[in-house]
């Protein structure tokens, strides 16, 4: 339950009208708000929740926040009304208020690539042992993290939060809300350059998570990533390193590469070695497995549970998920998103997979790269030119630079998905492996659905 006085205090608000003094939950959606819930009308470039304050009250018979400047709204609104300077900021303030009253240990994960897989695997490893709360799917922005925090019930042992960013300062804001005891950055690579400018901007944005970790907490550092290995800990935190190559506190060794079936691996922790296998494909996913395992081990998950959990974790939609099609070929669904590093990792993994037929890559453009978009697409083209892939199919205007750089007859350029699908459908056969990858906005998942 939420008391009116607590809400007003948390959001630095002024109570304008009182009808109820206690509320069952916090909601930001007038369409799904339940009886007795308190409404926060969020604002964005193309929406304004203040337009739905009346609709929210009709469903909830509760109350609402409202911007102080919106007299035309709060002047006629029913229910309990609390006035604030900014409803978006009030959502964050309310979430922080809830976080500060929790006795849980909070864990935060960010990085250019792999943060969702790392978080999902960590929840899979620890969720059956400990009561925990986590942000589902990729709800890793300010609204998603705040709503997850506000929805906490009872006394969870752990809170596991993936933090995302596309502009400077967002990780700092999220970190102040989550106040993690343990924090991990998966890697630093070119991503969201429209908002973060360059690789150094990405690095500083990600490292702000370590800076915001509570004193006495632990930071987990990928010792194989040069942008992270050089991070200087200022003595406020315990430092734990993990790696596949460099010497580190925690390491992963591949004992057998089983191709399309994954890897047999050994996890080496201080005082313990855990042998298991993973269905996840690609070297990049081995870092995600190691990162999740290191966090779980630090949470107190036993080695036997780690072994079972890693072995039972299945690849999921859009995240390098191999799907066997009825015609005897395999579609590797990596359609969720793309940036320069993940593109090269995906292509390298495809090139290394055992294959009795053709290796085919279907690639869409990479978005949010700002002024360096053309550079990174041409760099991808030069990388692909050196590969031994049988066929490379490129979709959309961004990939013209990729096509120009390849220039060796193996690449085809398409303006639309239907033409690409018609072309490749005639080329696929028994034993082929086809990778589908591109930025989320391009909708590469439609190609996956057409091919399987």
Protein backbone atom coordinates (compact mmCIF):
# COMPACT_ATOMS: atom_id res chain seq x y z
CA UNK A 1 0.00 0.00 0.00
CA UNK A 2 1.05 3.58 -0.65
CA UNK A 3 0.10 6.31 1.82
CA UNK A 4 -0.68 9.75 0.41
CA UNK A 5 1.77 11.42 2.78
CA UNK A 6 4.57 9.09 1.64
CA UNK A 7 3.86 9.79 -2.03
CA UNK A 8 3.82 13.55 -1.50
CA UNK A 9 7.07 13.43 0.47
CA UNK A 10 8.85 11.22 -2.07
CA UNK A 11 7.98 13.39 -5.07
CA UNK A 12 8.37 16.76 -3.28
CA UNK A 13 4.74 17.39 -4.12
CA UNK A 14 1.87 19.51 -2.89
CA UNK A 15 -1.45 17.87 -2.07
CA UNK A 16 -4.09 19.75 -4.03
CA UNK A 17 -7.14 17.59 -3.42
CA UNK A 18 -7.87 14.64 -1.10
CA UNK A 19 -10.36 11.90 -1.74
CA UNK A 20 -8.34 8.82 -0.73
CA UNK A 21 -5.30 8.61 1.52
CA UNK A 22 -4.07 5.11 0.63
CA UNK A 23 -3.48 3.43 -2.72
CA UNK A 24 -2.91 -0.19 -3.69
CA UNK A 25 -0.19 0.41 -6.32
CA UNK A 26 1.36 2.90 -8.74
CA UNK A 27 0.37 2.93 -12.42
CA UNK A 28 1.52 4.84 -15.51
CA UNK A 29 -1.07 3.38 -17.91
CA UNK A 30 -4.67 4.58 -17.82
CA UNK A 31 -5.71 1.57 -19.92
CA UNK A 32 -4.60 -1.05 -17.39
CA UNK A 33 -4.82 0.84 -14.08
CA UNK A 34 -6.57 -1.17 -11.38
CA UNK A 35 -8.98 -0.25 -8.59
CA UNK A 36 -7.42 1.92 -5.91
CA UNK A 37 -4.19 2.58 -7.85
CA UNK A 38 -2.42 5.94 -8.11
CA UNK A 39 -1.74 7.33 -11.59
CA UNK A 40 1.42 9.06 -12.83
CA UNK A 41 0.84 10.81 -16.18
CA UNK A 42 4.15 10.61 -18.04
CA UNK A 43 5.13 12.91 -20.90
CA UNK A 44 7.10 12.28 -24.07
CA UNK A 45 7.75 13.78 -27.50
CA UNK A 46 4.51 12.37 -28.93
CA UNK A 47 2.34 11.65 -25.87
CA UNK A 48 1.07 13.31 -22.72
CA UNK A 49 -0.43 11.25 -19.93
CA UNK A 50 -2.21 14.31 -18.56
CA UNK A 51 -4.79 13.78 -21.32
CA UNK A 52 -5.81 10.56 -19.56
CA UNK A 53 -6.05 11.64 -15.92
CA UNK A 54 -9.85 11.50 -16.08
CA UNK A 55 -9.84 8.08 -17.77
CA UNK A 56 -7.46 6.75 -15.12
CA UNK A 57 -9.73 7.96 -12.32
CA UNK A 58 -12.78 6.40 -13.97
CA UNK A 59 -11.07 2.99 -13.77
CA UNK A 60 -9.24 3.36 -10.46
CA UNK A 61 -11.27 5.77 -8.32
CA UNK A 62 -7.86 6.58 -6.87
CA UNK A 63 -5.67 9.59 -7.49
CA UNK A 64 -3.06 11.17 -9.74
CA UNK A 65 0.02 13.30 -9.95
CA UNK A 66 -0.17 16.41 -12.12
CA UNK A 67 2.27 19.07 -13.28
CA UNK A 68 1.78 22.31 -11.37
CA UNK A 69 1.44 24.20 -14.65
CA UNK A 70 -1.48 22.10 -15.90
CA UNK A 71 -4.30 23.94 -14.17
CA UNK A 72 -6.70 23.00 -16.96
CA UNK A 73 -6.18 19.38 -15.85
CA UNK A 74 -5.98 19.45 -12.05
CA UNK A 75 -8.60 22.21 -11.78
CA UNK A 76 -11.36 19.82 -12.83
CA UNK A 77 -9.83 16.43 -11.99
CA UNK A 78 -11.52 14.09 -9.53
CA UNK A 79 -9.81 11.93 -6.95
CA UNK A 80 -6.73 12.72 -4.91
CA UNK A 81 -4.39 15.10 -6.77
CA UNK A 82 -0.73 15.79 -5.93
CA UNK A 83 1.04 18.60 -7.80
CA UNK A 84 4.70 18.29 -8.83
CA UNK A 85 7.19 20.20 -10.96
CA UNK A 86 7.73 17.29 -13.39
CA UNK A 87 5.78 14.01 -13.44
CA UNK A 88 8.59 12.14 -15.23
CA UNK A 89 11.07 13.09 -12.51
CA UNK A 90 8.48 12.27 -9.88
CA UNK A 91 8.32 8.68 -11.17
CA UNK A 92 12.09 8.36 -10.62
CA UNK A 93 11.85 10.00 -7.19
CA UNK A 94 9.11 7.61 -6.13
CA UNK A 95 11.12 4.60 -7.32
CA UNK A 96 14.18 5.78 -5.42
CA UNK A 97 12.02 6.26 -2.30
CA UNK A 98 10.86 2.62 -2.63
CA UNK A 99 14.42 1.38 -3.29
CA UNK A 100 15.82 3.08 -0.21
CA UNK A 101 13.32 1.25 1.99
CA UNK A 102 14.27 -2.19 0.65
CA UNK A 103 16.73 -4.46 2.44
CA UNK A 104 17.53 -6.37 -0.78
CA UNK A 105 20.99 -6.56 -2.34
CA UNK A 106 20.82 -4.75 -5.68
CA UNK A 107 22.78 -5.80 -8.77
CA UNK A 108 23.12 -3.63 -11.89
CA UNK A 109 24.34 -4.72 -15.32
CA UNK A 110 25.12 -2.54 -18.31
CA UNK A 111 27.33 -2.68 -21.42
CA UNK A 112 27.26 -2.18 -25.17
CA UNK A 113 26.42 -5.82 -25.88
CA UNK A 114 25.16 -8.83 -23.95
CA UNK A 115 23.52 -7.14 -20.98
CA UNK A 116 20.06 -8.66 -21.56
CA UNK A 117 21.44 -12.20 -22.05
CA UNK A 118 23.63 -11.79 -18.95
CA UNK A 119 20.68 -10.57 -16.89
CA UNK A 120 18.31 -13.28 -18.11
CA UNK A 121 20.86 -16.02 -17.44
CA UNK A 122 21.60 -14.63 -13.98
CA UNK A 123 17.90 -14.67 -13.13
CA UNK A 124 17.71 -18.24 -14.47
CA UNK A 125 20.64 -19.28 -12.25
CA UNK A 126 19.52 -17.58 -9.03
CA UNK A 127 15.75 -17.26 -9.32
CA UNK A 128 14.92 -20.68 -7.87
CA UNK A 129 17.19 -20.18 -4.86
CA UNK A 130 16.39 -16.64 -3.81
CA UNK A 131 13.34 -14.38 -3.94
CA UNK A 132 14.33 -11.69 -6.41
CA UNK A 133 12.92 -8.91 -8.55
CA UNK A 134 14.21 -8.03 -12.03
CA UNK A 135 13.26 -5.92 -15.01
CA UNK A 136 11.76 -8.22 -17.61
CA UNK A 137 12.75 -8.42 -21.29
CA UNK A 138 14.76 -5.29 -22.08
CA UNK A 139 12.78 -2.81 -19.96
CA UNK A 140 16.04 -1.09 -19.10
CA UNK A 141 15.26 2.62 -19.50
CA UNK A 142 14.18 5.06 -16.81
CA UNK A 143 10.50 4.18 -17.02
CA UNK A 144 11.10 0.42 -17.14
CA UNK A 145 13.52 0.37 -14.22
CA UNK A 146 11.32 2.69 -12.15
CA UNK A 147 8.16 0.67 -12.77
CA UNK A 148 9.95 -2.57 -11.86
CA UNK A 149 11.18 -1.02 -8.61
CA UNK A 150 7.72 0.30 -7.74
CA UNK A 151 6.19 -3.13 -8.38
CA UNK A 152 8.42 -4.85 -5.78
CA UNK A 153 6.38 -6.81 -3.27
CA UNK A 154 7.38 -8.30 0.05
CA UNK A 155 11.09 -8.54 0.86
CA UNK A 156 13.11 -9.88 -2.10
CA UNK A 157 16.64 -11.04 -1.33
CA UNK A 158 18.06 -9.55 -4.54
CA UNK A 159 17.14 -6.98 -7.16
CA UNK A 160 18.67 -7.60 -10.60
CA UNK A 161 18.53 -4.66 -13.00
CA UNK A 162 19.71 -4.26 -16.55
CA UNK A 163 20.47 -0.60 -17.30
CA UNK A 164 20.39 0.78 -20.85
CA UNK A 165 21.30 4.13 -22.34
CA UNK A 166 21.23 6.06 -25.60
CA UNK A 167 22.32 9.47 -24.33
CA UNK A 168 24.85 10.95 -21.95
CA UNK A 169 23.99 10.81 -18.26
CA UNK A 170 21.27 8.14 -18.40
CA UNK A 171 23.31 5.43 -16.65
CA UNK A 172 24.08 7.89 -13.85
CA UNK A 173 20.37 8.63 -13.41
CA UNK A 174 19.48 4.93 -13.39
CA UNK A 175 22.34 4.11 -11.02
CA UNK A 176 21.18 6.74 -8.54
CA UNK A 177 17.77 5.11 -8.62
CA UNK A 178 18.99 1.51 -8.26
CA UNK A 179 21.92 2.24 -5.89
CA UNK A 180 23.63 -1.11 -6.63
CA UNK A 181 25.74 -3.09 -4.22
CA UNK A 182 27.19 -5.09 -7.13
CA UNK A 183 27.73 -3.79 -10.66
CA UNK A 184 29.03 -5.27 -13.90
CA UNK A 185 29.81 -3.79 -17.32
CA UNK A 186 29.83 -6.47 -20.02
CA UNK A 187 31.92 -4.55 -22.58
CA UNK A 188 32.44 -1.18 -24.27
CA UNK A 189 31.85 -0.97 -28.03
CA UNK A 190 30.54 1.61 -30.54
CA UNK A 191 26.80 1.92 -29.88
CA UNK A 192 24.24 4.73 -29.59
CA UNK A 193 26.80 7.16 -30.96
CA UNK A 194 24.10 9.70 -31.84
CA UNK A 195 23.77 10.37 -28.12
CA UNK A 196 27.22 9.32 -26.84
CA UNK A 197 29.37 10.80 -29.66
CA UNK A 198 32.31 8.37 -29.75
CA UNK A 199 33.83 5.31 -28.10
CA UNK A 200 35.23 7.38 -25.23
CA UNK A 201 31.72 8.75 -24.66
CA UNK A 202 30.40 5.18 -24.51
CA UNK A 203 33.17 4.21 -22.08
CA UNK A 204 32.51 7.11 -19.72
CA UNK A 205 28.77 6.47 -19.82
CA UNK A 206 29.18 2.79 -18.91
CA UNK A 207 31.80 3.43 -16.23
CA UNK A 208 29.45 5.83 -14.46
CA UNK A 209 27.79 2.66 -13.13
CA UNK A 210 30.95 1.77 -11.21
CA UNK A 211 31.21 5.32 -9.87
CA UNK A 212 27.63 5.12 -8.54
CA UNK A 213 28.02 1.70 -6.90
CA UNK A 214 27.52 1.92 -3.14
CA UNK A 215 30.66 2.24 -1.03
CA UNK A 216 31.77 -1.19 0.15
CA UNK A 217 30.14 -2.85 -2.85
CA UNK A 218 31.74 -4.87 -5.64
CA UNK A 219 32.51 -3.95 -9.24
CA UNK A 220 32.97 -6.77 -11.77
CA UNK A 221 35.40 -5.95 -14.58
CA UNK A 222 35.88 -7.66 -17.95
CA UNK A 223 39.68 -7.90 -18.02
CA UNK A 224 39.66 -8.74 -21.74
CA UNK A 225 38.08 -5.40 -22.66
CA UNK A 226 40.79 -2.71 -22.85
CA UNK A 227 38.28 0.05 -22.06
CA UNK A 228 37.37 -1.69 -18.80
CA UNK A 229 40.63 -3.38 -17.79
CA UNK A 230 42.23 0.04 -17.41
CA UNK A 231 39.57 1.24 -14.97
CA UNK A 232 41.22 2.45 -11.77
CA UNK A 233 39.29 1.54 -8.65
CA UNK A 234 39.48 4.32 -6.08
CA UNK A 235 39.39 2.07 -3.04
CA UNK A 236 35.65 2.40 -2.39
CA UNK A 237 34.79 -1.04 -3.78
CA UNK A 238 35.97 -4.60 -4.00
CA UNK A 239 37.26 -5.35 -7.52
CA UNK A 240 36.58 -8.73 -9.19
CA UNK A 241 37.89 -9.44 -12.70
CA UNK A 242 36.69 -12.02 -15.22
CA UNK A 243 38.12 -13.06 -18.59
CA UNK A 244 38.53 -15.70 -21.26
CA UNK A 245 42.07 -14.65 -22.19
CA UNK A 246 43.73 -12.36 -19.66
CA UNK A 247 44.66 -13.46 -16.18
CA UNK A 248 41.66 -12.78 -13.94
CA UNK A 249 39.99 -13.73 -10.68
CA UNK A 250 37.36 -15.74 -12.56
CA UNK A 251 37.87 -17.42 -15.94
CA UNK A 252 36.11 -19.54 -18.55
CA UNK A 253 37.84 -22.24 -20.61
CA UNK A 254 36.29 -24.06 -23.58
CA UNK A 255 36.91 -27.78 -23.25
CA UNK A 256 35.00 -28.76 -26.41
CA UNK A 257 33.45 -26.78 -29.26
CA UNK A 258 30.30 -28.68 -30.28
CA UNK A 259 29.43 -26.44 -33.22
CA UNK A 260 25.74 -25.67 -33.60
CA UNK A 261 25.09 -27.45 -30.28
CA UNK A 262 27.24 -25.04 -28.25
CA UNK A 263 30.26 -25.58 -25.98
CA UNK A 264 31.53 -27.70 -23.13
CA UNK A 265 33.11 -25.27 -20.69
CA UNK A 266 34.97 -24.99 -17.41
CA UNK A 267 34.36 -22.08 -15.05
CA UNK A 268 37.29 -21.34 -12.77
CA UNK A 269 36.47 -19.41 -9.60
CA UNK A 270 38.61 -18.80 -6.51
CA UNK A 271 38.71 -22.19 -4.80
CA UNK A 272 36.29 -23.95 -7.18
CA UNK A 273 36.02 -25.21 -10.75
CA UNK A 274 32.63 -25.87 -12.38
CA UNK A 275 32.30 -28.00 -15.52
CA UNK A 276 29.16 -27.64 -17.62
CA UNK A 277 27.93 -26.98 -21.16
CA UNK A 278 26.05 -24.17 -22.84
CA UNK A 279 23.70 -24.07 -25.82
CA UNK A 280 24.60 -20.44 -26.48
CA UNK A 281 26.66 -19.96 -29.65
CA UNK A 282 29.60 -17.68 -30.27
CA UNK A 283 32.55 -16.39 -28.31
CA UNK A 284 30.59 -13.26 -27.41
CA UNK A 285 28.03 -15.42 -25.60
CA UNK A 286 30.78 -17.13 -23.61
CA UNK A 287 31.49 -13.74 -22.03
CA UNK A 288 27.79 -13.44 -21.17
CA UNK A 289 27.83 -16.91 -19.59
CA UNK A 290 30.92 -16.06 -17.57
CA UNK A 291 29.56 -12.68 -16.45
CA UNK A 292 26.27 -14.19 -15.25
CA UNK A 293 28.07 -17.08 -13.54
CA UNK A 294 30.48 -14.75 -11.70
CA UNK A 295 27.59 -12.67 -10.38
CA UNK A 296 25.61 -15.77 -9.38
CA UNK A 297 28.65 -17.27 -7.63
CA UNK A 298 29.09 -14.02 -5.70
CA UNK A 299 25.41 -14.16 -4.71
CA UNK A 300 26.02 -17.58 -3.15
CA UNK A 301 24.71 -19.88 -5.89
CA UNK A 302 26.44 -23.29 -5.49
CA UNK A 303 28.62 -24.68 -8.28
CA UNK A 304 26.27 -27.62 -8.87
CA UNK A 305 23.37 -25.23 -9.41
CA UNK A 306 25.46 -23.14 -11.79
CA UNK A 307 26.32 -26.21 -13.83
CA UNK A 308 22.70 -27.31 -14.10
CA UNK A 309 21.37 -23.83 -14.80
CA UNK A 310 23.88 -22.92 -17.51
CA UNK A 311 23.26 -26.26 -19.21
CA UNK A 312 19.49 -25.82 -19.21
CA UNK A 313 19.44 -22.19 -20.41
CA UNK A 314 18.07 -22.02 -23.95
CA UNK A 315 18.81 -19.37 -26.58
CA UNK A 316 15.78 -17.18 -27.07
CA UNK A 317 14.16 -15.17 -29.82
CA UNK A 318 16.35 -12.64 -31.56
CA UNK A 319 19.54 -13.43 -29.60
CA UNK A 320 21.64 -15.72 -31.79
CA UNK A 321 19.02 -18.43 -31.61
CA UNK A 322 19.52 -21.32 -34.10
CA UNK A 323 16.25 -22.59 -35.58
CA UNK A 324 16.10 -25.74 -37.70
CA UNK A 325 13.79 -25.18 -40.66
CA UNK A 326 11.71 -27.93 -42.25
CA UNK A 327 13.77 -27.88 -45.45
CA UNK A 328 16.93 -28.93 -43.65
CA UNK A 329 18.72 -25.61 -43.22
CA UNK A 330 19.33 -23.63 -40.01
CA UNK A 331 18.30 -20.01 -39.48
CA UNK A 332 20.32 -18.20 -36.83
CA UNK A 333 17.92 -15.58 -35.47
CA UNK A 334 19.98 -12.62 -34.27
CA UNK A 335 17.40 -10.09 -35.39
CA UNK A 336 16.93 -8.24 -32.12
CA UNK A 337 19.52 -5.52 -32.70
CA UNK A 338 22.93 -4.68 -34.15
CA UNK A 339 25.96 -2.48 -33.66
CA UNK A 340 29.45 -2.70 -35.21
CA UNK A 341 30.90 -5.10 -32.63
CA UNK A 342 27.90 -7.44 -32.51
CA UNK A 343 27.80 -7.57 -36.32
CA UNK A 344 31.41 -8.71 -36.51
CA UNK A 345 30.93 -11.20 -33.67
CA UNK A 346 27.88 -12.68 -35.40
CA UNK A 347 29.62 -13.00 -38.76
CA UNK A 348 32.71 -14.56 -37.15
CA UNK A 349 30.54 -17.07 -35.31
CA UNK A 350 28.69 -17.97 -38.52
CA UNK A 351 32.00 -18.46 -40.34
CA UNK A 352 33.24 -20.81 -37.59
CA UNK A 353 30.15 -23.04 -37.35
CA UNK A 354 30.44 -26.51 -38.95
CA UNK A 355 28.42 -26.40 -42.15
CA UNK A 356 27.84 -28.98 -44.90
CA UNK A 357 26.12 -26.46 -47.16
CA UNK A 358 26.31 -22.72 -47.72
CA UNK A 359 26.94 -20.02 -45.11
CA UNK A 360 24.66 -17.08 -45.85
CA UNK A 361 24.39 -13.74 -44.03
CA UNK A 362 21.28 -11.54 -44.30
CA UNK A 363 22.17 -8.20 -42.77
CA UNK A 364 20.21 -5.00 -42.20
CA UNK A 365 21.61 -1.60 -41.34
CA UNK A 366 22.92 -0.42 -37.99
CA UNK A 367 21.08 2.55 -36.49
CA UNK A 368 22.00 5.26 -33.95
CA UNK A 369 25.63 5.56 -35.08
CA UNK A 370 25.42 9.29 -35.72
CA UNK A 371 27.96 10.91 -38.02
CA UNK A 372 30.10 7.76 -38.08
CA UNK A 373 27.32 5.59 -39.51
CA UNK A 374 28.80 5.45 -42.99
CA UNK A 375 32.28 4.71 -41.60
CA UNK A 376 31.10 1.74 -39.54
CA UNK A 377 29.02 0.33 -42.38
CA UNK A 378 31.99 0.52 -44.73
CA UNK A 379 34.18 -1.05 -42.04
CA UNK A 380 31.69 -3.92 -41.86
CA UNK A 381 31.91 -4.25 -45.64
CA UNK A 382 35.70 -4.56 -45.48
CA UNK A 383 35.34 -7.18 -42.76
CA UNK A 384 32.82 -9.16 -44.81
CA UNK A 385 35.02 -8.98 -47.90
CA UNK A 386 37.69 -10.98 -46.06
CA UNK A 387 35.18 -13.65 -44.98
CA UNK A 388 34.51 -16.89 -46.83
CA UNK A 389 30.70 -16.64 -46.61
CA UNK A 390 28.94 -18.04 -49.66
CA UNK A 391 26.37 -15.25 -49.99
CA UNK A 392 25.77 -11.88 -48.33
CA UNK A 393 22.35 -10.24 -48.68
CA UNK A 394 22.02 -6.62 -47.57
CA UNK A 395 18.82 -4.75 -46.76
CA UNK A 396 18.16 -1.01 -46.71
CA UNK A 397 19.87 2.27 -47.51
CA UNK A 398 22.41 2.06 -44.66
CA UNK A 399 23.95 -1.07 -46.19
CA UNK A 400 24.88 0.52 -49.54
CA UNK A 401 28.31 1.31 -48.11
CA UNK A 402 28.67 -2.32 -47.01
CA UNK A 403 27.79 -3.49 -50.52
CA UNK A 404 30.25 -1.08 -52.17
CA UNK A 405 33.12 -2.29 -49.96
CA UNK A 406 32.53 -6.01 -50.55
CA UNK A 407 32.54 -5.70 -54.33
CA UNK A 408 33.37 -9.34 -55.03
CA UNK A 409 30.18 -10.77 -56.48
CA UNK A 410 28.95 -12.53 -53.32
CA UNK A 411 26.84 -9.59 -52.11
CA UNK A 412 23.36 -8.57 -53.24
CA UNK A 413 21.58 -5.36 -52.22
CA UNK A 414 17.82 -5.12 -51.63
CA UNK A 415 15.58 -2.16 -50.95
CA UNK A 416 12.71 -4.23 -49.54
CA UNK A 417 12.23 -7.40 -47.51
CA UNK A 418 9.85 -9.12 -49.91
CA UNK A 419 12.36 -9.09 -52.73
CA UNK A 420 15.10 -10.37 -50.45
CA UNK A 421 12.90 -13.14 -49.08
CA UNK A 422 11.87 -14.27 -52.57
CA UNK A 423 15.50 -14.34 -53.69
CA UNK A 424 16.94 -16.23 -50.72
CA UNK A 425 14.08 -18.72 -50.49
CA UNK A 426 15.20 -20.17 -53.82
CA UNK A 427 18.82 -20.40 -52.66
CA UNK A 428 18.41 -22.20 -49.32
CA UNK A 429 18.80 -25.93 -49.09
CA UNK A 430 19.86 -28.90 -46.98
CA UNK A 431 22.83 -28.19 -44.70
CA UNK A 432 22.85 -24.39 -45.16
CA UNK A 433 23.19 -21.95 -42.27
CA UNK A 434 21.72 -18.47 -42.67
CA UNK A 435 22.33 -15.62 -40.22
CA UNK A 436 19.70 -12.87 -39.95
CA UNK A 437 20.81 -9.70 -38.13
CA UNK A 438 20.13 -5.96 -38.15
CA UNK A 439 18.95 -3.08 -36.02
CA UNK A 440 15.60 -3.55 -34.31
CA UNK A 441 13.86 -0.73 -36.20
CA UNK A 442 14.42 -2.51 -39.51
CA UNK A 443 12.27 -5.50 -38.50
CA UNK A 444 14.62 -8.32 -39.45
CA UNK A 445 12.42 -10.69 -37.42
CA UNK A 446 9.97 -10.66 -40.35
CA UNK A 447 12.66 -12.30 -42.49
CA UNK A 448 13.24 -14.96 -39.82
CA UNK A 449 9.53 -15.74 -39.68
CA UNK A 450 9.37 -16.04 -43.46
CA UNK A 451 12.28 -18.48 -43.63
CA UNK A 452 11.33 -20.84 -40.82
